[in-house]
C-alpha atoms as a PDB file:
ATOM      1  CA  MET A   1       6.554  17.589  -0.356  1.00  0.00           C
ATOM      2  CA  LYS A   2       7.873  20.182  -2.881  1.00  0.00           C
ATOM      3  CA  GLU A   3       4.747  22.300  -2.313  1.00  0.00           C
ATOM      4  CA  HIS A   4       5.631  22.326   1.407  1.00  0.00           C
ATOM      5  CA  GLY A   5       9.203  23.578   0.545  1.00  0.00           C
ATOM      6  CA  HIS A   6      10.993  20.170   1.041  1.00  0.00           C
ATOM      7  CA  GLU A   7      13.178  18.321  -1.287  1.00  0.00           C
ATOM      8  CA  ALA A   8      12.516  14.502  -1.385  1.00  0.00           C
ATOM      9  CA  VAL A   9      15.406  12.211  -2.539  1.00  0.00           C
ATOM     10  CA  VAL A  10      14.222   8.645  -3.357  1.00  0.00           C
ATOM     11  CA  ILE A  11      16.703   5.785  -3.234  1.00  0.00           C
ATOM     12  CA  GLY A  12      15.135   2.698  -4.697  1.00  0.00           C
ATOM     13  CA  PRO A  13      16.306  -0.623  -6.294  1.00  0.00           C
ATOM     14  CA  ASP A  14      16.578   1.001  -9.697  1.00  0.00           C
ATOM     15  CA  ARG A  15      19.892   2.487  -8.593  1.00  0.00           C
ATOM     16  CA  PHE A  16      21.493  -0.898  -7.744  1.00  0.00           C
ATOM     17  CA  SER A  17      22.220  -4.264  -9.237  1.00  0.00           C
ATOM     18  CA  SER A  18      19.195  -6.276  -8.353  1.00  0.00           C
ATOM     19  CA  ILE A  19      17.427  -9.600  -8.685  1.00  0.00           C
ATOM     20  CA  PRO A  20      13.625 -10.378  -8.953  1.00  0.00           C
ATOM     21  CA  CYS A  21      11.882 -11.085  -5.792  1.00  0.00           C
ATOM     22  CA  PRO A  22      10.790 -14.758  -5.598  1.00  0.00           C
ATOM     23  CA  THR A  23       7.330 -15.240  -6.909  1.00  0.00           C
ATOM     24  CA  TYR A  24       7.269 -11.481  -7.423  1.00  0.00           C
ATOM     25  CA  PRO A  25       9.486 -10.817 -10.399  1.00  0.00           C
ATOM     26  CA  GLU A  26       8.115  -7.332 -10.868  1.00  0.00           C
ATOM     27  CA  ILE A  27       9.654  -6.369  -7.515  1.00  0.00           C
ATOM     28  CA  ARG A  28      13.414  -6.015  -7.546  1.00  0.00           C
ATOM     29  CA  LEU A  29      15.701  -6.657  -4.595  1.00  0.00           C
ATOM     30  CA  ALA A  30      18.962  -4.703  -4.421  1.00  0.00           C
ATOM     31  CA  ILE A  31      22.101  -6.829  -4.102  1.00  0.00           C
ATOM     32  CA  ALA A  32      24.674  -5.870  -1.396  1.00  0.00           C
ATOM     33  CA  PRO A  33      23.596  -2.119  -1.412  1.00  0.00           C
ATOM     34  CA  GLY A  34      25.588  -1.112   1.632  1.00  0.00           C
ATOM     35  CA  GLY A  35      28.548   0.768   0.195  1.00  0.00           C
ATOM     36  CA  LYS A  36      26.697   2.545  -2.679  1.00  0.00           C
ATOM     37  CA  LEU A  37      23.636   3.269  -0.342  1.00  0.00           C
ATOM     38  CA  THR A  38      26.179   4.963   2.117  1.00  0.00           C
ATOM     39  CA  LYS A  39      27.421   7.270  -0.689  1.00  0.00           C
ATOM     40  CA  LEU A  40      23.842   8.105  -1.977  1.00  0.00           C
ATOM     41  CA  ILE A  41      22.680   9.030   1.370  1.00  0.00           C
ATOM     42  CA  GLU A  42      25.660  11.219   2.131  1.00  0.00           C
ATOM     43  CA  ASP A  43      25.511  12.881  -1.229  1.00  0.00           C
ATOM     44  CA  ALA A  44      21.922  13.803  -0.513  1.00  0.00           C
ATOM     45  CA  MET A  45      22.828  15.330   2.967  1.00  0.00           C
ATOM     46  CA  PRO A  46      19.313  14.702   4.206  1.00  0.00           C
ATOM     47  CA  ALA A  47      17.853  16.335   7.356  1.00  0.00           C
ATOM     48  CA  ALA A  48      15.765  13.295   7.989  1.00  0.00           C
ATOM     49  CA  ILE A  49      15.504   9.693   6.840  1.00  0.00           C
ATOM     50  CA  HIS A  50      12.463   7.555   6.014  1.00  0.00           C
ATOM     51  CA  ILE A  51      12.741   3.865   5.424  1.00  0.00           C
ATOM     52  CA  ALA A  52       9.799   2.688   3.258  1.00  0.00           C
ATOM     53  CA  THR A  53      10.135  -1.094   3.271  1.00  0.00           C
ATOM     54  CA  GLU A  54      11.822  -3.997   4.986  1.00  0.00           C
ATOM     55  CA  GLY A  55      13.726  -5.294   2.110  1.00  0.00           C
ATOM     56  CA  PRO A  56      17.511  -5.246   1.517  1.00  0.00           C
ATOM     57  CA  LEU A  57      17.578  -1.549   0.983  1.00  0.00           C
ATOM     58  CA  GLY A  58      15.629  -1.016   4.143  1.00  0.00           C
ATOM     59  CA  VAL A  59      17.826  -3.228   6.208  1.00  0.00           C
ATOM     60  CA  ALA A  60      20.993  -1.465   4.865  1.00  0.00           C
ATOM     61  CA  ALA A  61      19.504   1.987   5.581  1.00  0.00           C
ATOM     62  CA  ARG A  62      18.537   0.937   9.070  1.00  0.00           C
ATOM     63  CA  ARG A  63      22.100  -0.275   9.701  1.00  0.00           C
ATOM     64  CA  TYR A  64      23.476   3.016   8.427  1.00  0.00           C
ATOM     65  CA  CYS A  65      21.280   5.015  10.710  1.00  0.00           C
ATOM     66  CA  LEU A  66      21.931   2.909  13.935  1.00  0.00           C
ATOM     67  CA  LYS A  67      25.745   2.875  13.415  1.00  0.00           C
ATOM     68  CA  ARG A  68      25.802   6.668  13.122  1.00  0.00           C
ATOM     69  CA  GLY A  69      23.223   7.471  15.816  1.00  0.00           C
ATOM     70  CA  HIS A  70      20.804   8.995  13.241  1.00  0.00           C
ATOM     71  CA  PRO A  71      17.090   8.855  14.030  1.00  0.00           C
ATOM     72  CA  PHE A  72      14.868   7.465  11.235  1.00  0.00           C
ATOM     73  CA  THR A  73      11.247   6.590  10.733  1.00  0.00           C
ATOM     74  CA  THR A  74       9.721   3.566   8.951  1.00  0.00           C
ATOM     75  CA  ALA A  75       6.305   2.556   7.466  1.00  0.00           C
ATOM     76  CA  TYR A  76       4.329  -0.653   7.791  1.00  0.00           C
ATOM     77  CA  HIS A  77       2.671  -0.863   4.428  1.00  0.00           C
ATOM     78  CA  THR A  78       2.075  -4.485   3.999  1.00  0.00           C
ATOM     79  CA  ARG A  79       1.130  -7.500   6.169  1.00  0.00           C
ATOM     80  CA  PHE A  80       4.132  -9.431   5.088  1.00  0.00           C
ATOM     81  CA  PRO A  81       3.760 -12.196   7.735  1.00  0.00           C
ATOM     82  CA  GLN A  82       0.315 -13.197   6.203  1.00  0.00           C
ATOM     83  CA  TYR A  83       1.566 -12.849   2.779  1.00  0.00           C
ATOM     84  CA  ILE A  84       4.547 -15.086   3.392  1.00  0.00           C
ATOM     85  CA  HIS A  85       2.464 -17.623   5.292  1.00  0.00           C
ATOM     86  CA  SER A  86       0.126 -17.866   2.309  1.00  0.00           C
ATOM     87  CA  ARG A  87       2.924 -18.486  -0.038  1.00  0.00           C
ATOM     88  CA  PHE A  88       5.493 -20.539   1.865  1.00  0.00           C
ATOM     89  CA  ARG A  89       3.538 -21.638   5.005  1.00  0.00           C
ATOM     90  CA  ILE A  90       6.263 -19.897   7.222  1.00  0.00           C
ATOM     91  CA  PRO A  91       4.717 -19.216  10.729  1.00  0.00           C
ATOM     92  CA  CYS A  92       3.478 -15.641  11.114  1.00  0.00           C
ATOM     93  CA  ALA A  93       5.238 -15.431  14.532  1.00  0.00           C
ATOM     94  CA  TRP A  94       8.640 -15.830  12.902  1.00  0.00           C
ATOM     95  CA  SER A  95       8.020 -13.038  10.505  1.00  0.00           C
ATOM     96  CA  TYR A  96       6.610 -10.666  13.127  1.00  0.00           C
ATOM     97  CA  ARG A  97       9.765 -11.296  15.277  1.00  0.00           C
ATOM     98  CA  PHE A  98      11.881 -10.072  12.261  1.00  0.00           C
ATOM     99  CA  LEU A  99       9.419  -7.051  11.788  1.00  0.00           C
ATOM    100  CA  ARG A 100       9.696  -6.022  15.505  1.00  0.00           C
ATOM    101  CA  TRP A 101      13.596  -6.169  15.100  1.00  0.00           C
ATOM    102  CA  PHE A 102      13.407  -3.991  12.099  1.00  0.00           C
ATOM    103  CA  HIS A 103      10.797  -1.436  12.935  1.00  0.00           C
ATOM    104  CA  ASN A 104      11.129  -0.857  16.864  1.00  0.00           C
ATOM    105  CA  PRO A 105      14.374   1.019  16.672  1.00  0.00           C
ATOM    106  CA  SER A 106      12.720   3.767  14.488  1.00  0.00           C
ATOM    107  CA  SER A 107      11.521   6.939  15.958  1.00  0.00           C
ATOM    108  CA  ALA A 108       7.992   6.388  14.382  1.00  0.00           C
ATOM    109  CA  ILE A 109       6.322   3.512  12.736  1.00  0.00           C
ATOM    110  CA  MET A 110       3.824   4.919  10.267  1.00  0.00           C
ATOM    111  CA  VAL A 111       0.616   2.977   9.696  1.00  0.00           C
ATOM    112  CA  ALA A 112      -2.520   3.836   7.703  1.00  0.00           C
ATOM    113  CA  THR A 113      -5.330   2.631   9.944  1.00  0.00           C
ATOM    114  CA  GLN A 114      -6.282   2.323  13.598  1.00  0.00           C
ATOM    115  CA  SER A 115      -6.987  -1.448  13.304  1.00  0.00           C
ATOM    116  CA  ILE A 116      -3.329  -1.961  12.036  1.00  0.00           C
ATOM    117  CA  GLU A 117      -2.141   0.156  14.817  1.00  0.00           C
ATOM    118  CA  ASP A 118      -4.062  -1.853  17.360  1.00  0.00           C
ATOM    119  CA  ASP A 119      -2.850  -5.125  15.872  1.00  0.00           C
ATOM    120  CA  LEU A 120       0.865  -3.995  15.842  1.00  0.00           C
ATOM    121  CA  ARG A 121       0.717  -2.726  19.526  1.00  0.00           C
ATOM    122  CA  ALA A 122      -0.672  -6.028  20.613  1.00  0.00           C
ATOM    123  CA  ARG A 123       2.335  -7.742  18.892  1.00  0.00           C
ATOM    124  CA  GLY A 124       4.854  -5.570  20.824  1.00  0.00           C
ATOM    125  CA  PHE A 125       5.462  -2.695  18.238  1.00  0.00           C
ATOM    126  CA  THR A 126       6.062   0.772  19.691  1.00  0.00           C
ATOM    127  CA  ARG A 127       5.985   4.455  18.693  1.00  0.00           C
ATOM    128  CA  ILE A 128       3.294   4.057  16.136  1.00  0.00           C
ATOM    129  CA  ARG A 129       1.999   7.071  14.215  1.00  0.00           C
ATOM    130  CA  ARG A 130      -0.871   7.532  11.763  1.00  0.00           C
ATOM    131  CA  TRP A 131      -0.189   8.057   8.107  1.00  0.00           C
ATOM    132  CA  SER A 132      -3.406   7.877   6.102  1.00  0.00           C
ATOM    133  CA  ARG A 133      -3.758   7.798   2.367  1.00  0.00           C
ATOM    134  CA  GLY A 134      -5.420   9.930  -0.358  1.00  0.00           C
ATOM    135  CA  VAL A 135      -7.078   9.789  -3.734  1.00  0.00           C
ATOM    136  CA  ASP A 136      -6.959  11.969  -6.794  1.00  0.00           C
ATOM    137  CA  THR A 137     -10.723  13.002  -7.080  1.00  0.00           C
ATOM    138  CA  LYS A 138     -10.043  14.926 -10.256  1.00  0.00           C
ATOM    139  CA  MET A 139      -8.925  11.754 -12.166  1.00  0.00           C
ATOM    140  CA  PHE A 140     -11.291   9.349 -10.352  1.00  0.00           C
ATOM    141  CA  HIS A 141     -14.889  10.505 -10.606  1.00  0.00           C
ATOM    142  CA  PRO A 142     -18.104   9.099 -11.962  1.00  0.00           C
ATOM    143  CA  ARG A 143     -18.282   8.656 -15.761  1.00  0.00           C
ATOM    144  CA  ASP A 144     -20.260   7.009 -18.491  1.00  0.00           C
ATOM    145  CA  LYS A 145     -20.796   3.371 -17.540  1.00  0.00           C
ATOM    146  CA  GLN A 146     -21.082   2.268 -21.227  1.00  0.00           C
ATOM    147  CA  PHE A 147     -17.267   2.059 -21.457  1.00  0.00           C
ATOM    148  CA  LEU A 148     -17.466  -1.620 -20.255  1.00  0.00           C
ATOM    149  CA  SER A 149     -19.647  -4.074 -22.128  1.00  0.00           C
ATOM    150  CA  GLY A 150     -21.330  -7.218 -20.996  1.00  0.00           C
ATOM    151  CA  PRO A 151     -24.507  -7.956 -18.998  1.00  0.00           C
ATOM    152  CA  ARG A 152     -25.118  -5.826 -15.956  1.00  0.00           C
ATOM    153  CA  PRO A 153     -24.366  -5.524 -13.054  1.00  0.00           C
ATOM    154  CA  ILE A 154     -20.548  -5.340 -13.575  1.00  0.00           C
ATOM    155  CA  SER A 155     -18.450  -6.374 -10.663  1.00  0.00           C
ATOM    156  CA  LEU A 156     -14.864  -5.150 -10.675  1.00  0.00           C
ATOM    157  CA  TYR A 157     -11.515  -6.131  -9.040  1.00  0.00           C
ATOM    158  CA  VAL A 158      -8.539  -3.973  -9.480  1.00  0.00           C
ATOM    159  CA  GLY A 159      -5.045  -5.110  -8.004  1.00  0.00           C
ATOM    160  CA  ARG A 160      -2.409  -7.664  -8.232  1.00  0.00           C
ATOM    161  CA  ILE A 161      -3.517 -11.202  -9.259  1.00  0.00           C
ATOM    162  CA  ALA A 162      -1.719 -13.068  -6.523  1.00  0.00           C
ATOM    163  CA  VAL A 163      -2.577 -15.687  -3.957  1.00  0.00           C
ATOM    164  CA  GLU A 164      -2.365 -13.191  -0.992  1.00  0.00           C
ATOM    165  CA  LYS A 165      -5.068 -11.057  -2.597  1.00  0.00           C
ATOM    166  CA  ASN A 166      -7.537 -13.824  -2.266  1.00  0.00           C
ATOM    167  CA  ILE A 167      -9.098 -13.023  -5.588  1.00  0.00           C
ATOM    168  CA  ASP A 168     -10.434 -16.525  -6.207  1.00  0.00           C
ATOM    169  CA  ASP A 169     -12.988 -15.810  -3.524  1.00  0.00           C
ATOM    170  CA  PHE A 170     -14.399 -13.096  -5.838  1.00  0.00           C
ATOM    171  CA  LEU A 171     -14.010 -15.097  -9.087  1.00  0.00           C
ATOM    172  CA  SER A 172     -15.840 -18.165  -7.571  1.00  0.00           C
ATOM    173  CA  LEU A 173     -18.916 -16.152  -6.553  1.00  0.00           C
ATOM    174  CA  ASP A 174     -22.216 -16.878  -8.183  1.00  0.00           C
ATOM    175  CA  LEU A 175     -23.151 -13.397  -9.229  1.00  0.00           C
ATOM    176  CA  PRO A 176     -25.508 -11.937 -11.853  1.00  0.00           C
ATOM    177  CA  GLY A 177     -23.961  -9.949 -14.670  1.00  0.00           C
ATOM    178  CA  THR A 178     -20.273  -9.739 -15.621  1.00  0.00           C
ATOM    179  CA  LYS A 179     -16.977  -9.897 -13.713  1.00  0.00           C
ATOM    180  CA  TYR A 180     -13.983  -7.831 -14.768  1.00  0.00           C
ATOM    181  CA  VAL A 181     -10.470  -8.045 -13.518  1.00  0.00           C
ATOM    182  CA  VAL A 182      -7.951  -5.208 -13.955  1.00  0.00           C
ATOM    183  CA  GLY A 183      -4.364  -6.001 -13.137  1.00  0.00           C
ATOM    184  CA  ASP A 184      -1.642  -8.634 -13.498  1.00  0.00           C
ATOM    185  CA  GLY A 185       0.373 -10.975 -11.445  1.00  0.00           C
ATOM    186  CA  PRO A 186       1.628 -14.516 -10.890  1.00  0.00           C
ATOM    187  CA  GLN A 187      -1.747 -16.119 -10.714  1.00  0.00           C
ATOM    188  CA  MET A 188      -3.193 -14.533 -13.807  1.00  0.00           C
ATOM    189  CA  ALA A 189      -2.757 -17.422 -16.359  1.00  0.00           C
ATOM    190  CA  HIS A 190      -4.002 -19.961 -13.794  1.00  0.00           C
ATOM    191  CA  LEU A 191      -7.116 -18.011 -12.947  1.00  0.00           C
ATOM    192  CA  GLN A 192      -7.832 -17.200 -16.674  1.00  0.00           C
ATOM    193  CA  LYS A 193      -7.968 -20.904 -17.381  1.00  0.00           C
ATOM    194  CA  ARG A 194      -9.951 -21.629 -14.218  1.00  0.00           C
ATOM    195  CA  HIS A 195     -12.511 -18.860 -14.841  1.00  0.00           C
ATOM    196  CA  PRO A 196     -12.864 -18.340 -18.690  1.00  0.00           C
ATOM    197  CA  GLU A 197     -16.220 -16.480 -18.071  1.00  0.00           C
ATOM    198  CA  VAL A 198     -14.299 -13.540 -16.309  1.00  0.00           C
ATOM    199  CA  ARG A 199     -12.963 -10.712 -18.490  1.00  0.00           C
ATOM    200  CA  PHE A 200      -9.253 -10.209 -17.613  1.00  0.00           C
ATOM    201  CA  VAL A 201      -8.132  -6.873 -19.227  1.00  0.00           C
ATOM    202  CA  GLY A 202      -4.619  -6.585 -17.865  1.00  0.00           C
ATOM    203  CA  MET A 203      -2.830  -3.592 -16.247  1.00  0.00           C
ATOM    204  CA  LYS A 204      -4.396  -0.256 -16.674  1.00  0.00           C
ATOM    205  CA  SER A 205      -3.324   3.271 -15.603  1.00  0.00           C
ATOM    206  CA  GLY A 206      -4.314   6.942 -15.793  1.00  0.00           C
ATOM    207  CA  GLU A 207      -7.434   7.744 -17.652  1.00  0.00           C
ATOM    208  CA  ASP A 208      -7.953   4.257 -18.943  1.00  0.00           C
ATOM    209  CA  LEU A 209      -7.922   2.874 -15.250  1.00  0.00           C
ATOM    210  CA  ALA A 210     -10.319   5.592 -14.150  1.00  0.00           C
ATOM    211  CA  ARG A 211     -12.705   4.683 -16.829  1.00  0.00           C
ATOM    212  CA  HIS A 212     -12.705   1.080 -15.784  1.00  0.00           C
ATOM    213  CA  TYR A 213     -13.463   1.944 -12.276  1.00  0.00           C
ATOM    214  CA  ALA A 214     -16.301   4.334 -13.186  1.00  0.00           C
ATOM    215  CA  ALA A 215     -17.964   1.819 -15.587  1.00  0.00           C
ATOM    216  CA  ALA A 216     -18.441  -0.802 -12.835  1.00  0.00           C
ATOM    217  CA  ASP A 217     -21.575  -1.102 -10.714  1.00  0.00           C
ATOM    218  CA  VAL A 218     -19.778  -2.687  -7.655  1.00  0.00           C
ATOM    219  CA  PHE A 219     -16.126  -2.952  -6.570  1.00  0.00           C
ATOM    220  CA  VAL A 220     -15.179  -6.222  -4.972  1.00  0.00           C
ATOM    221  CA  PHE A 221     -12.213  -6.282  -2.538  1.00  0.00           C
ATOM    222  CA  PRO A 222     -11.621  -9.936  -1.422  1.00  0.00           C
ATOM    223  CA  SER A 223      -8.316  -9.290   0.284  1.00  0.00           C
ATOM    224  CA  ARG A 224      -8.058 -10.146   4.039  1.00  0.00           C
ATOM    225  CA  THR A 225      -4.460  -9.098   4.372  1.00  0.00           C
ATOM    226  CA  ASP A 226      -4.088  -5.421   3.053  1.00  0.00           C
ATOM    227  CA  THR A 227      -3.299  -2.741   5.528  1.00  0.00           C
ATOM    228  CA  PHE A 228      -5.536  -0.124   3.695  1.00  0.00           C
ATOM    229  CA  GLY A 229      -6.333  -0.659   0.142  1.00  0.00           C
ATOM    230  CA  LEU A 230      -5.930   2.558  -2.134  1.00  0.00           C
ATOM    231  CA  VAL A 231      -8.114   0.907  -4.655  1.00  0.00           C
ATOM    232  CA  LEU A 232     -11.009   1.303  -2.094  1.00  0.00           C
ATOM    233  CA  LEU A 233     -10.701   5.065  -2.383  1.00  0.00           C
ATOM    234  CA  GLU A 234     -10.322   5.035  -6.077  1.00  0.00           C
ATOM    235  CA  ALA A 235     -13.462   3.177  -6.544  1.00  0.00           C
ATOM    236  CA  LEU A 236     -15.434   5.267  -4.069  1.00  0.00           C
ATOM    237  CA  ALA A 237     -14.311   8.515  -5.725  1.00  0.00           C
ATOM    238  CA  SER A 238     -15.470   7.013  -9.138  1.00  0.00           C
ATOM    239  CA  GLY A 239     -18.902   6.617  -7.521  1.00  0.00           C
ATOM    240  CA  VAL A 240     -18.666   2.878  -7.099  1.00  0.00           C
ATOM    241  CA  PRO A 241     -19.706   1.117  -3.947  1.00  0.00           C
ATOM    242  CA  VAL A 242     -17.482  -1.410  -2.254  1.00  0.00           C
ATOM    243  CA  ALA A 243     -18.106  -4.993  -1.232  1.00  0.00           C
ATOM    244  CA  ALA A 244     -15.537  -6.583   1.061  1.00  0.00           C
ATOM    245  CA  TYR A 245     -14.749  -8.766   4.030  1.00  0.00           C
ATOM    246  CA  PRO A 246     -15.037  -7.053   7.512  1.00  0.00           C
ATOM    247  CA  VAL A 247     -11.291  -7.018   7.965  1.00  0.00           C
ATOM    248  CA  ALA A 248      -8.584  -4.403   8.613  1.00  0.00           C
ATOM    249  CA  GLY A 249      -8.510  -1.995   5.701  1.00  0.00           C
ATOM    250  CA  PRO A 250     -12.143  -2.254   4.571  1.00  0.00           C
ATOM    251  CA  LEU A 251     -13.313  -1.890   8.100  1.00  0.00           C
ATOM    252  CA  ASP A 252     -11.234   1.416   8.613  1.00  0.00           C
ATOM    253  CA  VAL A 253     -12.388   2.911   5.258  1.00  0.00           C
ATOM    254  CA  ILE A 254     -15.949   1.547   4.850  1.00  0.00           C
ATOM    255  CA  GLY A 255     -16.832   0.525   8.326  1.00  0.00           C
ATOM    256  CA  GLY A 256     -19.551   2.801   9.838  1.00  0.00           C
ATOM    257  CA  THR A 257     -20.464   4.377   6.571  1.00  0.00           C
ATOM    258  CA  ASP A 258     -23.172   3.738   3.914  1.00  0.00           C
ATOM    259  CA  ALA A 259     -20.562   3.648   1.029  1.00  0.00           C
ATOM    260  CA  GLY A 260     -20.217  -0.189   0.993  1.00  0.00           C
ATOM    261  CA  VAL A 261     -21.181  -3.478   2.648  1.00  0.00           C
ATOM    262  CA  LEU A 262     -18.836  -5.642   4.591  1.00  0.00           C
ATOM    263  CA  ASP A 263     -19.922  -9.134   5.206  1.00  0.00           C
ATOM    264  CA  GLU A 264     -18.215 -12.572   5.775  1.00  0.00           C
ATOM    265  CA  ASP A 265     -20.527 -13.794   2.946  1.00  0.00           C
ATOM    266  CA  LEU A 266     -18.873 -11.853   0.154  1.00  0.00           C
ATOM    267  CA  ARG A 267     -21.812 -12.593  -2.285  1.00  0.00           C
ATOM    268  CA  THR A 268     -24.251 -10.988   0.123  1.00  0.00           C
ATOM    269  CA  ALA A 269     -21.951  -7.927   0.343  1.00  0.00           C
ATOM    270  CA  VAL A 270     -21.811  -7.634  -3.438  1.00  0.00           C
ATOM    271  CA  LEU A 271     -25.586  -7.878  -3.855  1.00  0.00           C
ATOM    272  CA  LYS A 272     -26.433  -5.410  -1.078  1.00  0.00           C
ATOM    273  CA  ALA A 273     -23.856  -2.856  -2.261  1.00  0.00           C
ATOM    274  CA  LEU A 274     -25.361  -2.592  -5.727  1.00  0.00           C
ATOM    275  CA  GLY A 275     -28.135  -0.334  -4.479  1.00  0.00           C
ATOM    276  CA  ILE A 276     -25.781   2.275  -2.956  1.00  0.00           C
ATOM    277  CA  PRO A 277     -25.958   5.771  -4.620  1.00  0.00           C
ATOM    278  CA  ALA A 278     -22.765   7.099  -6.392  1.00  0.00           C
ATOM    279  CA  GLU A 279     -23.175  10.347  -4.458  1.00  0.00           C
ATOM    280  CA  THR A 280     -22.671   8.445  -1.119  1.00  0.00           C
ATOM    281  CA  CYS A 281     -19.456   6.818  -2.369  1.00  0.00           C
ATOM    282  CA  ARG A 282     -18.127  10.048  -3.670  1.00  0.00           C
ATOM    283  CA  ALA A 283     -18.754  11.868  -0.490  1.00  0.00           C
ATOM    284  CA  LEU A 284     -16.691   9.411   1.538  1.00  0.00           C
ATOM    285  CA  ALA A 285     -13.749   9.564  -0.797  1.00  0.00           C
ATOM    286  CA  GLY A 286     -13.815  13.361  -0.349  1.00  0.00           C
ATOM    287  CA  ARG A 287     -12.714  12.919   3.102  1.00  0.00           C
ATOM    288  CA  TYR A 288      -9.253  11.809   2.037  1.00  0.00           C
ATOM    289  CA  SER A 289      -6.774  13.952   0.230  1.00  0.00           C
ATOM    290  CA  TRP A 290      -3.129  13.744  -0.674  1.00  0.00           C
ATOM    291  CA  ALA A 291      -2.547  17.145   1.022  1.00  0.00           C
ATOM    292  CA  ALA A 292      -3.557  15.842   4.451  1.00  0.00           C
ATOM    293  CA  CYS A 293      -1.610  12.626   3.855  1.00  0.00           C
ATOM    294  CA  THR A 294       1.569  14.711   3.123  1.00  0.00           C
ATOM    295  CA  GLU A 295       1.139  16.824   6.159  1.00  0.00           C
ATOM    296  CA  GLN A 296       0.819  13.689   8.229  1.00  0.00           C
ATOM    297  CA  PHE A 297       4.001  12.333   6.851  1.00  0.00           C
ATOM    298  CA  ILE A 298       6.059  15.477   7.383  1.00  0.00           C
ATOM    299  CA  ALA A 299       4.755  15.807  11.012  1.00  0.00           C
ATOM    300  CA  ASN A 300       5.883  12.159  11.637  1.00  0.00           C
ATOM    301  CA  LEU A 301       9.418  12.712  10.445  1.00  0.00           C
ATOM    302  CA  HIS A 302      12.155  12.871  13.012  1.00  0.00           C
ATOM    303  CA  PRO A 303      14.879  15.375  11.884  1.00  0.00           C
ATOM    304  CA  PHE A 304      18.344  15.129  13.203  1.00  0.00           C
ATOM    305  CA  GLU A 305      18.913  17.097  16.358  1.00  0.00           C
ATOM    306  CA  ASN A 306      20.883  19.692  14.369  1.00  0.00           C
ATOM    307  CA  ALA A 307      18.780  19.802  11.257  1.00  0.00           C
ATOM    308  CA  SER A 308      20.567  22.720   9.925  1.00  0.00           C
ATOM    309  CA  VAL A 309      23.715  20.668   9.523  1.00  0.00           C
ATOM    310  CA  PRO A 310      22.744  17.658   7.443  1.00  0.00           C
ATOM    311  CA  ILE A 311      24.823  14.467   7.129  1.00  0.00           C
ATOM    312  CA  ARG A 312      28.275  14.914   5.661  1.00  0.00           C
ATOM    313  CA  ARG A 313      30.541  12.200   4.488  1.00  0.00           C
ATOM    314  CA  GLU A 314      32.639  10.826   7.227  1.00  0.00           C
ATOM    315  CA  ALA A 315      35.838  11.826   5.364  1.00  0.00           C
ATOM    316  CA  GLU A 316      34.535  15.507   5.434  1.00  0.00           C
ATOM    317  CA  ALA A 317      33.586  15.474   9.202  1.00  0.00           C
ATOM    318  CA  PRO A 318      35.793  17.595  11.428  1.00  0.00           C
ATOM    319  CA  SER A 319      38.413  15.789  13.189  1.00  0.00           C
ATOM    320  CA  MET A 320      37.903  14.995  16.866  1.00  0.00           C
ATOM    321  CA  GLU A 321      41.472  14.392  17.612  1.00  0.00           C
ATOM    322  CA  LYS A 322      43.310  16.766  20.047  1.00  0.00           C
ATOM    323  CA  PRO A 323      45.695  19.288  18.496  1.00  0.00           C
END
């Protein structure tokens, strides 16, 4: 955004009193953010407002914009109805009703893939715009595979260790070689006990994460609920083929290419993907860039009609009373 001449102000839960999200303690939920949020927005004097998530801050920002007649955009990053159903058995229809209420007043609902767009349109969502993703191909690239030890081939999972990621489908597979898991989450202790043969290495970032990707022989993505899966691009950029189910996310990134295998039999997908050359994977990752992602985002924003006069505090607004 800065390279395009824009200033981006991020208002997140770190600026508020917060509580841990149930079953997701790493995620913080702001407590009664309304008054402070109003001050932060008006101090920033934005020309456009984008609401990233549907949590307490997102609801408060939505209320702020609707009350004042300010346009705003939103993003649909996560298939929360499926996540909530997998954890609490709440019907997906109830969650989608809330999401339509939340998103449909926005000027644009940004989604990462065509399959998610098609799904949301079928569920009554409107004004959907594409906002793809990117990958840092300078950090994620093929490297020496000796970084990871254990019998080959090495099958790798990277991501949250949580029920909605469907990781047990991967861990339960009868595969040759060694399985590695990079990440942390509420299911980690349970799955470590259940699968002692799997190497759980915890959270990784930066160069350490990139080395783990590149040392693998196949990247396994068992999720059925992700809207995209940035880890797919990171694996591909590292020269590692992908094995996944033929569902939204993998279908949009891998479908119709030779950089991975999608199959309802995940074991079959893993074994077939092992023969894919690193160059094929790297070439697909090269189609995605953060520059293109940023340009899409900027084009999707809906500035206020008079963008040269950003929001001012109501106390500073000119009086509309007659002299």
